[in-house]
Amino acid sequence: MITEKKYSLLVNLLLQVMFVGILLGLFRTAIPALSESIFNVPKDSFIFLSTFIIAFGLVKGIANYYAGTMADKHDRKYVLMLGWTIAIPVPLIIYFADNWYYIILATFLIGINQGLTWSVTQISSVDITKSERRGFAVGLNEFSGYFGVAIGGILVSYMTSLFSIKVALFLFSAIFILIALLYCFFLIEDTKKYAIFLKKENPENMFYYVSWKNKKLFAYSQAGHVEKFVDTCIWIFFPVYLFNNGITLIDISLIVGTYAFTWGVLQIFSGLYSDFVGRNLLIISGMLICAIFLPVCLLSLDVSWWLICSFFLGLGMALLYPSISSAVNDNCEDSWRASGIGIYRFWRDTGYATGALGLGIVTSLVNIEAGFVFVSISILLSTSILILTIKKYGR
């Protein structure tokens, strides 16, 4: 259990990460769907379209790493404030964008914002939670963020029906960045003082240790990296594929929102469940569900079919996502936990870049449907690596 004081801190952190997700919702629904009509991306130019995800993944991955190291060296709140400050120019960049390069620049800044803010809210949530309930803490954090993604995508889609598209995108991003920044400044308390630091020797080369030397952390990091291929496919190709096949922006936002909402809400339960049954069963089950249902989406263009598939993809992500993060927490000492989580999140979110590049190449050489199959095969290979590692090195 947590004290009333810590409960209040946790609620504030959950609201903060919800703002992070709401801002990301803009970039996951409206921006990709409007890439051709508003931002002049040539039709079927999948590699060019993928550049903003590649930029996001690389920058967010690096920001995740530095969020962890800075959170260990400085206050958590300092990192959170820095993340929101960096996002301030984004609304103006989007408003004045007349080509895709402006969107890449805005995505670059959003990647830094997401890496710093989301990482440190999760680190802070674990700071104030007992070790046997870390799965629940991570699940709550991820729920709040992806609930924000779902709400953000739907809100911005409705705003485009009330205002001109550029004005809607500007107002949406400016309002939520301002709210989040003020909320952080006045209501967020630093949580580093609640972490329990035991005097143990830290790995000499932390990045090498987490990325390769510790085989369990390596296995979880590669699984996190590859599962981002699923999210990348849904981020880029769901809106483009559906929009080009006559599905409205509102319906697209509901489809993508169903995935994000299911993923977000069910993480509360899967995170808590992993505290009792272990992480690996949920990780493997979630990976397999995603590998099956992603290509199955292509069997029909009916909106209800895509809603069903999006639900199951959200279920798969809900099972695996907090469980991998919790497994990484389990295998890190508190003295270097923030740095370890930052390194894991570096590998996880650079999966956006790898996935976007792979999807861009495959869809350009074959077709967009082949991209869905490419992701499914990648997930199956990653799951195999995880299973073999678990068998060799134990749970």
Protein backbone atom coordinates (compact mmCIF):
# COMPACT_ATOMS: atom_id res chain seq x y z
CA MET A 1 0.00 0.00 0.00
CA ILE A 2 1.05 3.63 -0.37
CA THR A 3 0.43 6.47 2.03
CA GLU A 4 -2.10 9.22 1.39
CA LYS A 5 0.79 11.59 0.56
CA LYS A 6 2.22 9.20 -1.99
CA TYR A 7 -1.28 8.55 -3.39
CA SER A 8 -1.60 12.28 -4.10
CA LEU A 9 1.82 12.28 -5.78
CA LEU A 10 0.85 9.30 -7.92
CA VAL A 11 -2.40 10.94 -9.08
CA ASN A 12 -0.48 14.05 -10.14
CA LEU A 13 2.03 11.93 -12.05
CA LEU A 14 -0.78 10.04 -13.80
CA LEU A 15 -2.42 13.29 -14.89
CA GLN A 16 0.93 14.54 -16.11
CA VAL A 17 1.57 11.49 -18.27
CA MET A 18 -2.01 11.75 -19.60
CA PHE A 19 -1.09 15.21 -20.96
CA VAL A 20 1.98 13.60 -22.57
CA GLY A 21 -0.29 11.07 -24.28
CA ILE A 22 -2.86 13.65 -25.38
CA LEU A 23 -0.19 15.64 -27.22
CA LEU A 24 1.09 12.46 -28.86
CA GLY A 25 -2.45 11.68 -30.06
CA LEU A 26 -2.15 14.59 -32.50
CA PHE A 27 0.86 12.97 -34.16
CA ARG A 28 -0.69 9.50 -34.25
CA THR A 29 -3.98 10.29 -35.97
CA ALA A 30 -4.39 13.65 -37.69
CA ILE A 31 -0.83 14.24 -38.93
CA PRO A 32 -0.38 10.89 -40.79
CA ALA A 33 -3.91 10.97 -42.27
CA LEU A 34 -3.43 14.56 -43.52
CA SER A 35 0.14 14.02 -44.76
CA GLU A 36 -0.81 14.10 -48.46
CA SER A 37 -3.65 16.64 -48.46
CA ILE A 38 -2.18 19.24 -46.07
CA PHE A 39 1.56 18.65 -45.84
CA ASN A 40 2.22 17.75 -49.49
CA VAL A 41 3.68 14.27 -49.07
CA PRO A 42 3.61 12.57 -52.51
CA LYS A 43 1.05 9.77 -52.71
CA ASP A 44 2.42 6.30 -51.81
CA SER A 45 5.79 7.79 -50.82
CA PHE A 46 6.07 5.49 -47.83
CA ILE A 47 9.76 5.95 -47.05
CA PHE A 48 9.35 9.74 -47.09
CA LEU A 49 6.25 9.46 -44.91
CA SER A 50 8.18 7.22 -42.52
CA THR A 51 10.84 9.87 -41.94
CA PHE A 52 8.88 11.55 -39.16
CA ILE A 53 8.56 8.25 -37.27
CA ILE A 54 12.26 7.54 -37.81
CA ALA A 55 13.07 10.99 -36.42
CA PHE A 56 10.68 10.44 -33.50
CA GLY A 57 12.08 7.02 -32.63
CA LEU A 58 15.75 8.02 -32.74
CA VAL A 59 15.28 11.24 -30.82
CA LYS A 60 12.91 9.74 -28.24
CA GLY A 61 15.23 6.80 -27.70
CA ILE A 62 18.17 9.11 -27.01
CA ALA A 63 15.99 11.34 -24.80
CA ASN A 64 14.90 8.25 -22.83
CA TYR A 65 18.53 7.42 -22.14
CA TYR A 66 19.34 10.92 -20.94
CA ALA A 67 16.10 11.12 -18.95
CA GLY A 68 17.29 8.14 -16.95
CA THR A 69 20.84 9.40 -16.39
CA MET A 70 19.66 12.93 -15.54
CA ALA A 71 17.00 11.56 -13.18
CA ASP A 72 19.73 9.66 -11.30
CA LYS A 73 22.02 12.69 -11.16
CA HIS A 74 19.43 15.47 -10.67
CA ASP A 75 15.83 15.84 -9.56
CA ARG A 76 12.99 14.07 -11.40
CA LYS A 77 10.97 17.30 -11.62
CA TYR A 78 13.86 19.10 -13.34
CA VAL A 79 13.75 16.55 -16.17
CA LEU A 80 9.95 16.82 -16.43
CA MET A 81 10.01 20.62 -16.66
CA LEU A 82 12.76 20.47 -19.28
CA GLY A 83 10.68 18.10 -21.41
CA TRP A 84 7.65 20.40 -21.49
CA THR A 85 9.74 23.51 -22.12
CA ILE A 86 11.26 21.91 -25.22
CA ALA A 87 7.74 21.31 -26.63
CA ILE A 88 6.75 25.01 -26.58
CA PRO A 89 7.68 25.79 -30.24
CA VAL A 90 5.73 22.81 -31.63
CA PRO A 91 2.30 24.51 -32.16
CA LEU A 92 3.85 27.33 -34.22
CA ILE A 93 5.93 24.92 -36.31
CA ILE A 94 2.80 22.91 -37.19
CA TYR A 95 0.77 26.05 -37.92
CA PHE A 96 3.31 27.43 -40.40
CA ALA A 97 4.18 24.05 -41.92
CA ASP A 98 3.75 23.95 -45.68
CA ASN A 99 5.77 20.78 -46.28
CA TRP A 100 6.74 17.57 -44.50
CA TYR A 101 10.13 18.86 -43.33
CA TYR A 102 8.38 21.15 -40.82
CA ILE A 103 6.54 18.10 -39.45
CA ILE A 104 9.85 16.24 -39.11
CA LEU A 105 11.20 19.20 -37.10
CA ALA A 106 8.10 19.27 -34.88
CA THR A 107 8.37 15.50 -34.42
CA PHE A 108 12.02 15.91 -33.45
CA LEU A 109 10.98 18.20 -30.59
CA ILE A 110 8.05 15.96 -29.62
CA GLY A 111 10.44 13.02 -29.47
CA ILE A 112 12.58 14.86 -26.92
CA ASN A 113 9.46 15.92 -25.00
CA GLN A 114 8.09 12.38 -24.92
CA GLY A 115 11.40 10.79 -23.98
CA LEU A 116 12.02 13.11 -21.05
CA THR A 117 8.48 13.46 -19.69
CA TRP A 118 7.11 9.93 -20.08
CA SER A 119 10.31 8.27 -18.84
CA VAL A 120 10.56 10.39 -15.72
CA THR A 121 6.88 10.03 -14.78
CA GLN A 122 7.34 6.25 -14.86
CA ILE A 123 10.57 6.45 -12.86
CA SER A 124 8.81 8.69 -10.33
CA SER A 125 5.81 6.33 -10.08
CA VAL A 126 8.11 3.43 -9.24
CA ASP A 127 9.98 5.63 -6.70
CA ILE A 128 6.87 5.79 -4.50
CA THR A 129 5.74 2.16 -4.97
CA LYS A 130 6.86 -0.98 -3.16
CA SER A 131 8.89 -3.41 -5.27
CA GLU A 132 6.17 -6.11 -5.18
CA ARG A 133 3.68 -3.67 -6.79
CA ARG A 134 5.89 -2.21 -9.51
CA GLY A 135 3.91 -3.95 -12.24
CA PHE A 136 0.77 -2.19 -11.06
CA ALA A 137 2.58 1.18 -10.93
CA VAL A 138 3.94 0.76 -14.46
CA GLY A 139 0.52 -0.40 -15.68
CA LEU A 140 -1.16 2.68 -14.24
CA ASN A 141 1.46 4.93 -15.82
CA GLU A 142 1.10 3.36 -19.25
CA PHE A 143 -2.71 3.31 -18.94
CA SER A 144 -2.82 7.02 -18.26
CA GLY A 145 -0.48 7.84 -21.15
CA TYR A 146 -2.26 5.73 -23.75
CA PHE A 147 -5.68 6.77 -22.50
CA GLY A 148 -4.40 10.28 -23.28
CA VAL A 149 -3.30 9.14 -26.75
CA ALA A 150 -6.79 7.79 -27.49
CA ILE A 151 -8.55 10.89 -26.17
CA GLY A 152 -6.10 13.22 -27.91
CA GLY A 153 -6.60 11.58 -31.30
CA ILE A 154 -10.39 11.80 -31.04
CA LEU A 155 -10.38 15.38 -29.68
CA VAL A 156 -8.13 16.74 -32.42
CA SER A 157 -10.22 15.00 -35.10
CA TYR A 158 -13.38 16.71 -33.80
CA MET A 159 -11.56 20.04 -33.56
CA THR A 160 -10.76 19.84 -37.28
CA SER A 161 -14.52 19.86 -37.89
CA LEU A 162 -14.92 23.05 -35.85
CA PHE A 163 -11.93 25.05 -37.09
CA SER A 164 -9.72 25.11 -40.14
CA ILE A 165 -7.22 22.25 -39.96
CA LYS A 166 -4.14 24.37 -39.24
CA VAL A 167 -5.95 26.41 -36.57
CA ALA A 168 -7.30 23.22 -34.94
CA LEU A 169 -3.83 21.64 -34.78
CA PHE A 170 -2.34 24.86 -33.37
CA LEU A 171 -4.99 25.37 -30.68
CA PHE A 172 -4.98 21.73 -29.65
CA SER A 173 -1.20 21.48 -29.17
CA ALA A 174 -0.77 24.96 -27.62
CA ILE A 175 -3.54 24.47 -25.03
CA PHE A 176 -2.31 21.12 -23.75
CA ILE A 177 1.38 22.08 -23.67
CA LEU A 178 0.50 25.17 -21.61
CA ILE A 179 -1.73 23.22 -19.21
CA ALA A 180 0.90 20.52 -18.72
CA LEU A 181 3.72 23.00 -18.13
CA LEU A 182 1.76 25.00 -15.54
CA TYR A 183 0.55 21.81 -13.84
CA CYS A 184 4.10 20.51 -13.62
CA PHE A 185 5.47 23.76 -12.21
CA PHE A 186 2.84 24.24 -9.50
CA LEU A 187 1.66 20.74 -8.55
CA ILE A 188 4.38 18.15 -9.24
CA GLU A 189 6.71 17.24 -6.36
CA ASP A 190 10.07 15.58 -6.91
CA THR A 191 10.05 11.89 -5.85
CA LYS A 192 13.74 11.00 -5.84
CA LYS A 193 13.80 11.25 -2.04
CA TYR A 194 11.37 8.31 -1.84
CA ALA A 195 13.60 5.88 -3.76
CA ILE A 196 15.48 3.32 -1.66
CA PHE A 197 19.17 3.38 -2.53
CA LEU A 198 21.23 0.44 -1.33
CA LYS A 199 25.00 0.71 -1.34
CA LYS A 200 25.84 -1.76 -4.09
CA GLU A 201 28.48 -1.53 -6.75
CA ASN A 202 27.07 -0.30 -10.04
CA PRO A 203 28.00 -1.86 -13.41
CA GLU A 204 31.11 -0.16 -14.79
CA ASN A 205 29.67 0.25 -18.30
CA MET A 206 25.95 0.63 -17.72
CA PHE A 207 24.92 0.81 -21.38
CA TYR A 208 26.85 -2.36 -22.29
CA TYR A 209 25.57 -4.17 -19.20
CA VAL A 210 21.89 -3.50 -19.88
CA SER A 211 22.13 -3.85 -23.67
CA TRP A 212 24.11 -7.09 -23.84
CA LYS A 213 26.02 -8.42 -20.80
CA ASN A 214 22.93 -9.12 -18.70
CA LYS A 215 21.18 -11.56 -21.04
CA LYS A 216 17.76 -11.15 -19.46
CA LEU A 217 17.89 -7.38 -19.84
CA PHE A 218 19.12 -7.90 -23.42
CA ALA A 219 16.15 -10.19 -24.16
CA TYR A 220 13.64 -7.73 -22.73
CA SER A 221 15.29 -4.83 -24.58
CA GLN A 222 15.13 -6.57 -27.96
CA ALA A 223 11.51 -7.56 -27.32
CA GLY A 224 10.68 -3.95 -26.47
CA HIS A 225 12.49 -2.80 -29.60
CA VAL A 226 10.60 -5.12 -31.95
CA GLU A 227 7.14 -4.70 -30.39
CA LYS A 228 7.40 -1.06 -31.44
CA PHE A 229 7.14 -2.30 -35.04
CA VAL A 230 3.46 -3.00 -34.30
CA ASP A 231 2.87 0.48 -32.93
CA THR A 232 4.74 2.00 -35.88
CA CYS A 233 2.57 0.13 -38.37
CA ILE A 234 -0.59 1.29 -36.62
CA TRP A 235 0.77 4.84 -36.35
CA ILE A 236 1.80 5.26 -40.00
CA PHE A 237 -0.12 2.77 -42.09
CA PHE A 238 -3.48 2.45 -40.38
CA PRO A 239 -4.40 6.12 -41.05
CA VAL A 240 -2.87 6.18 -44.56
CA TYR A 241 -4.27 2.80 -45.64
CA LEU A 242 -7.75 3.52 -44.32
CA PHE A 243 -7.89 7.16 -45.51
CA ASN A 244 -6.83 6.11 -49.03
CA ASN A 245 -9.59 3.47 -49.00
CA GLY A 246 -12.33 6.00 -48.24
CA ILE A 247 -12.56 5.73 -44.46
CA THR A 248 -13.30 9.09 -42.80
CA LEU A 249 -10.92 10.80 -40.38
CA ILE A 250 -13.46 10.41 -37.57
CA ASP A 251 -13.71 6.64 -38.18
CA ILE A 252 -9.92 6.39 -38.38
CA SER A 253 -9.62 8.19 -35.04
CA LEU A 254 -12.10 5.70 -33.53
CA ILE A 255 -10.18 2.72 -34.92
CA VAL A 256 -6.81 3.98 -33.72
CA GLY A 257 -8.44 5.21 -30.52
CA THR A 258 -9.90 1.75 -29.83
CA TYR A 259 -6.40 0.29 -30.05
CA ALA A 260 -4.90 2.95 -27.79
CA PHE A 261 -7.84 2.95 -25.34
CA THR A 262 -7.85 -0.86 -25.01
CA TRP A 263 -4.09 -0.88 -24.61
CA GLY A 264 -4.27 1.86 -22.02
CA VAL A 265 -7.17 0.63 -19.86
CA LEU A 266 -6.21 -3.04 -19.76
CA GLN A 267 -2.68 -2.22 -18.64
CA ILE A 268 -4.07 -1.41 -15.19
CA PHE A 269 -5.09 -5.07 -14.85
CA SER A 270 -2.24 -6.70 -16.76
CA GLY A 271 0.36 -4.73 -14.80
CA LEU A 272 -1.20 -5.82 -11.51
CA TYR A 273 -1.68 -9.40 -12.77
CA SER A 274 2.01 -9.61 -13.70
CA ASP A 275 2.88 -8.92 -10.05
CA PHE A 276 1.24 -12.24 -9.17
CA VAL A 277 1.81 -14.57 -12.15
CA GLY A 278 5.12 -13.21 -13.40
CA ARG A 279 6.01 -11.10 -16.42
CA ASN A 280 7.07 -13.59 -19.09
CA LEU A 281 3.75 -15.39 -19.70
CA LEU A 282 2.03 -12.05 -20.36
CA ILE A 283 4.86 -10.78 -22.57
CA ILE A 284 4.85 -13.89 -24.79
CA SER A 285 1.03 -14.03 -24.99
CA GLY A 286 0.85 -10.37 -25.97
CA MET A 287 3.53 -10.74 -28.64
CA LEU A 288 1.72 -13.69 -30.22
CA ILE A 289 -1.66 -11.92 -30.22
CA CYS A 290 -0.11 -8.93 -32.05
CA ALA A 291 1.66 -11.20 -34.56
CA ILE A 292 -1.65 -12.89 -35.42
CA PHE A 293 -4.07 -9.96 -35.56
CA LEU A 294 -1.99 -7.38 -37.45
CA PRO A 295 -2.14 -9.16 -40.84
CA VAL A 296 -5.70 -10.35 -40.08
CA CYS A 297 -6.82 -6.67 -40.25
CA LEU A 298 -6.40 -6.76 -44.03
CA LEU A 299 -9.18 -9.32 -44.56
CA SER A 300 -11.86 -6.61 -44.74
CA LEU A 301 -12.33 -2.85 -45.12
CA ASP A 302 -15.40 -2.82 -42.91
CA VAL A 303 -14.96 -0.34 -40.05
CA SER A 304 -16.41 -2.78 -37.50
CA TRP A 305 -13.82 -5.40 -38.54
CA TRP A 306 -10.99 -2.95 -38.00
CA LEU A 307 -12.45 -1.99 -34.63
CA ILE A 308 -12.42 -5.66 -33.57
CA CYS A 309 -8.83 -6.15 -34.77
CA SER A 310 -7.76 -2.92 -33.07
CA PHE A 311 -9.24 -4.20 -29.82
CA PHE A 312 -7.19 -7.40 -29.99
CA LEU A 313 -4.03 -5.51 -30.96
CA GLY A 314 -4.64 -3.26 -27.95
CA LEU A 315 -5.11 -6.36 -25.79
CA GLY A 316 -1.82 -7.80 -27.00
CA MET A 317 0.03 -4.57 -26.29
CA ALA A 318 -1.63 -4.29 -22.88
CA LEU A 319 -0.33 -7.73 -21.92
CA LEU A 320 3.25 -7.25 -23.08
CA TYR A 321 3.96 -3.54 -22.58
CA PRO A 322 3.88 -2.99 -18.80
CA SER A 323 5.17 -6.52 -18.26
CA ILE A 324 8.42 -5.85 -20.16
CA SER A 325 8.97 -2.56 -18.33
CA SER A 326 8.28 -4.26 -15.00
CA ALA A 327 10.66 -7.10 -15.86
CA VAL A 328 13.39 -4.54 -16.51
CA ASN A 329 12.63 -2.88 -13.16
CA ASP A 330 12.89 -6.30 -11.49
CA ASN A 331 16.41 -6.77 -12.83
CA CYS A 332 17.77 -3.32 -11.90
CA GLU A 333 19.13 -2.13 -8.55
CA ASP A 334 17.56 1.07 -7.19
CA SER A 335 20.95 2.82 -7.22
CA TRP A 336 20.99 2.64 -11.04
CA ARG A 337 17.35 1.82 -11.80
CA ALA A 338 16.56 5.13 -13.53
CA SER A 339 19.60 4.72 -15.79
CA GLY A 340 18.71 1.09 -16.50
CA ILE A 341 15.14 2.00 -17.41
CA GLY A 342 16.44 4.83 -19.59
CA ILE A 343 18.68 2.42 -21.51
CA TYR A 344 15.85 -0.08 -21.96
CA ARG A 345 13.57 2.70 -23.16
CA PHE A 346 16.32 3.83 -25.55
CA TRP A 347 16.26 0.41 -27.21
CA ARG A 348 12.48 0.16 -27.02
CA ASP A 349 11.70 3.48 -28.67
CA THR A 350 14.44 3.32 -31.31
CA GLY A 351 12.24 0.45 -32.48
CA TYR A 352 10.06 3.17 -33.99
CA ALA A 353 12.97 4.16 -36.26
CA THR A 354 13.93 0.58 -37.18
CA GLY A 355 10.30 -0.38 -37.74
CA ALA A 356 9.54 2.71 -39.82
CA LEU A 357 12.62 2.16 -41.99
CA GLY A 358 11.82 -1.51 -42.49
CA LEU A 359 8.17 -0.80 -43.22
CA GLY A 360 9.09 2.00 -45.63
CA ILE A 361 11.45 -0.26 -47.59
CA VAL A 362 9.08 -3.25 -47.69
CA THR A 363 6.02 -1.23 -48.71
CA SER A 364 7.99 0.62 -51.39
CA LEU A 365 9.38 -2.59 -52.86
CA VAL A 366 6.18 -4.66 -52.57
CA ASN A 367 3.01 -2.99 -51.22
CA ILE A 368 1.49 -1.70 -48.00
CA GLU A 369 -0.04 -5.08 -47.18
CA ALA A 370 3.43 -6.67 -47.19
CA GLY A 371 4.42 -4.24 -44.44
CA PHE A 372 1.84 -5.78 -42.11
CA VAL A 373 3.29 -9.26 -42.77
CA PHE A 374 6.86 -7.99 -42.23
CA VAL A 375 5.93 -6.77 -38.75
CA SER A 376 4.20 -10.05 -37.87
CA ILE A 377 7.27 -12.12 -38.81
CA SER A 378 9.55 -9.75 -36.86
CA ILE A 379 7.42 -10.20 -33.74
CA LEU A 380 7.56 -13.99 -34.02
CA LEU A 381 11.37 -13.96 -34.32
CA SER A 382 11.70 -11.62 -31.33
CA THR A 383 9.41 -13.84 -29.25
CA SER A 384 11.57 -16.84 -30.10
CA ILE A 385 14.69 -15.03 -28.83
CA LEU A 386 12.91 -14.18 -25.58
CA ILE A 387 11.69 -17.75 -25.02
CA LEU A 388 15.15 -19.23 -25.66
CA THR A 389 16.75 -16.70 -23.27
CA ILE A 390 14.22 -17.46 -20.53
CA LYS A 391 14.89 -21.20 -20.89
CA LYS A 392 18.66 -20.70 -20.68
CA TYR A 393 18.97 -18.00 -18.02
CA GLY A 394 15.80 -18.56 -16.00
CA ARG A 395 12.90 -16.31 -15.08
